[in-house]
Protein backbone atom coordinates (compact mmCIF):
# COMPACT_ATOMS: atom_id res chain seq x y z
CA UNK A 1 6.70 10.14 -8.52
CA UNK A 2 5.55 8.84 -11.90
CA UNK A 3 3.30 10.93 -14.11
CA UNK A 4 -0.25 10.30 -12.89
CA UNK A 5 -3.62 11.55 -14.22
CA UNK A 6 -4.92 12.72 -10.82
CA UNK A 7 -3.39 14.67 -7.96
CA UNK A 8 -4.12 11.89 -5.43
CA UNK A 9 -3.76 8.16 -5.28
CA UNK A 10 -5.31 5.96 -2.60
CA UNK A 11 -4.12 2.99 -0.57
CA UNK A 12 -7.25 0.92 0.04
CA UNK A 13 -8.07 -2.63 0.94
CA UNK A 14 -10.84 -5.22 1.15
CA UNK A 15 -11.95 -7.13 4.21
CA UNK A 16 -9.09 -9.41 5.15
CA UNK A 17 -6.18 -9.00 7.52
CA UNK A 18 -3.39 -10.23 5.32
CA UNK A 19 -2.68 -12.05 2.08
CA UNK A 20 -4.61 -10.03 -0.48
CA UNK A 21 -3.82 -8.07 -3.63
CA UNK A 22 -6.21 -5.38 -4.90
CA UNK A 23 -5.62 -3.89 -8.34
CA UNK A 24 -7.68 -1.35 -10.23
CA UNK A 25 -7.56 0.73 -13.38
CA UNK A 26 -7.63 4.50 -12.83
CA UNK A 27 -9.69 7.12 -14.69
CA UNK A 28 -8.26 10.56 -15.51
CA UNK A 29 -10.03 11.95 -12.42
CA UNK A 30 -8.37 9.34 -10.17
CA UNK A 31 -11.44 7.13 -9.67
CA UNK A 32 -10.97 3.38 -9.74
CA UNK A 33 -12.76 0.93 -12.02
CA UNK A 34 -12.26 -2.70 -12.99
CA UNK A 35 -11.20 -3.62 -9.45
CA UNK A 36 -9.86 -7.14 -8.90
CA UNK A 37 -9.06 -8.77 -5.57
CA UNK A 38 -7.17 -12.00 -5.05
CA UNK A 39 -6.67 -13.67 -1.66
CA UNK A 40 -4.04 -16.12 -0.49
CA UNK A 41 -6.89 -17.50 1.61
CA UNK A 42 -10.47 -16.29 2.17
CA UNK A 43 -10.97 -13.68 4.92
CA UNK A 44 -11.97 -15.00 8.35
CA UNK A 45 -15.64 -14.64 9.31
CA UNK A 46 -14.71 -12.65 12.43
CA UNK A 47 -12.75 -9.95 10.56
CA UNK A 48 -14.01 -6.49 11.54
CA UNK A 49 -15.90 -4.35 9.05
CA UNK A 50 -13.44 -1.79 7.70
CA UNK A 51 -15.75 0.06 5.32
CA UNK A 52 -15.53 3.79 5.80
CA UNK A 53 -12.32 3.66 7.85
CA UNK A 54 -9.83 6.28 6.76
CA UNK A 55 -6.54 7.68 7.99
CA UNK A 56 -4.42 10.59 6.85
CA UNK A 57 -0.66 10.76 6.94
CA UNK A 58 1.85 13.58 7.03
CA UNK A 59 5.03 13.23 5.01
CA UNK A 60 8.20 14.02 6.97
CA UNK A 61 11.67 14.66 5.56
CA UNK A 62 14.44 12.13 5.99
CA UNK A 63 16.53 14.07 8.51
CA UNK A 64 18.32 13.75 11.86
CA UNK A 65 15.03 13.68 13.82
CA UNK A 66 14.26 10.17 12.56
CA UNK A 67 15.51 7.11 14.43
CA UNK A 68 17.41 4.86 12.00
CA UNK A 69 17.65 1.17 12.94
CA UNK A 70 18.13 -1.91 10.76
CA UNK A 71 18.01 0.20 7.60
CA UNK A 72 14.61 1.81 8.25
CA UNK A 73 13.00 4.59 10.30
CA UNK A 74 10.10 2.69 11.90
CA UNK A 75 11.55 3.02 15.42
CA UNK A 76 10.70 6.73 15.27
CA UNK A 77 7.62 7.68 17.32
CA UNK A 78 4.56 8.41 15.14
CA UNK A 79 6.21 7.03 11.98
CA UNK A 80 4.02 4.38 10.35
CA UNK A 81 5.80 3.70 7.07
CA UNK A 82 7.87 4.97 4.18
CA UNK A 83 7.17 6.72 0.89
CA UNK A 84 9.15 5.81 -2.20
CA UNK A 85 12.30 3.75 -2.28
CA UNK A 86 12.17 0.01 -1.79
CA UNK A 87 9.16 -1.49 -0.07
CA UNK A 88 9.55 -2.62 3.54
CA UNK A 89 9.68 -6.35 4.03
CA UNK A 90 10.71 -9.43 2.14
CA UNK A 91 7.83 -9.52 -0.31
CA UNK A 92 8.51 -8.47 -3.92
CA UNK A 93 6.83 -5.47 -5.52
CA UNK A 94 3.94 -6.53 -7.73
CA UNK A 95 4.01 -6.59 -11.51
CA UNK A 96 1.38 -4.73 -13.53
CA UNK A 97 -1.54 -7.01 -14.41
CA UNK A 98 -1.69 -5.46 -17.90
CA UNK A 99 1.94 -5.15 -19.11
CA UNK A 100 3.71 -7.34 -16.49
CA UNK A 101 6.23 -4.56 -15.74
CA UNK A 102 7.53 -4.15 -12.18
CA UNK A 103 5.37 -1.47 -10.54
CA UNK A 104 6.61 1.77 -8.91
CA UNK A 105 6.50 1.58 -5.10
CA UNK A 106 4.65 4.61 -3.68
CA UNK A 107 4.31 3.77 0.01
CA UNK A 108 4.32 1.01 2.61
CA UNK A 109 2.66 1.53 6.00
CA UNK A 110 2.18 -0.56 9.12
CA UNK A 111 -1.29 -1.98 9.68
CA UNK A 112 -1.59 0.11 12.86
CA UNK A 113 -2.39 3.18 10.79
CA UNK A 114 -5.96 1.80 10.69
CA UNK A 115 -5.79 -0.70 13.59
CA UNK A 116 -6.92 -3.58 11.40
CA UNK A 117 -5.17 -6.77 10.44
CA UNK A 118 -1.46 -7.20 10.81
CA UNK A 119 1.64 -6.67 8.70
CA UNK A 120 2.21 -4.18 5.90
CA UNK A 121 -0.01 -2.35 3.42
CA UNK A 122 1.69 -1.22 0.21
CA UNK A 123 0.65 0.87 -2.80
CA UNK A 124 2.32 0.51 -6.21
CA UNK A 125 1.60 2.10 -9.61
CA UNK A 126 2.11 1.39 -13.30
CA UNK A 127 2.15 4.83 -14.91
CA UNK A 128 1.92 3.46 -18.47
CA UNK A 129 -1.20 1.34 -17.90
CA UNK A 130 -2.68 3.56 -15.13
CA UNK A 131 -3.06 0.57 -12.83
CA UNK A 132 -2.80 0.75 -9.03
CA UNK A 133 -2.07 -2.26 -6.86
CA UNK A 134 -2.49 -2.41 -3.08
CA UNK A 135 -1.14 -5.37 -1.13
CA UNK A 136 -1.37 -6.74 2.40
CA UNK A 137 1.60 -8.80 3.51
CA UNK A 138 2.46 -10.33 6.85
CA UNK A 139 5.30 -9.28 9.14
CA UNK A 140 8.61 -10.80 8.05
């Protein structure tokens, strides 16, 4: 994990099932500011309100209890994503909005962790600029 000013980092998202990028600068205490959202297309009017929805995850070791198929572990019951390594899917990792460097991939999870939208939710960091970027991409 890159050096980070806070002990936690958050994967968050705006209203919109898929096709958005949320980036924010991070204070030394981990709070976001200067948030920017871009959409591939505007959210649908019938999208559910996701404010206040949260989910917690438990990190598991890569061991023989995971089901490996097609180069990933998502066939394992109660596994919703991966931490570190390459992001899941065909979409490229984002570049930092400040320095344009390829960002460090922290995690990618399936939408079902919050039962909203569809596809993947990813979190990436730029440790130099202290920028976080969350993305929502469709299934491949």
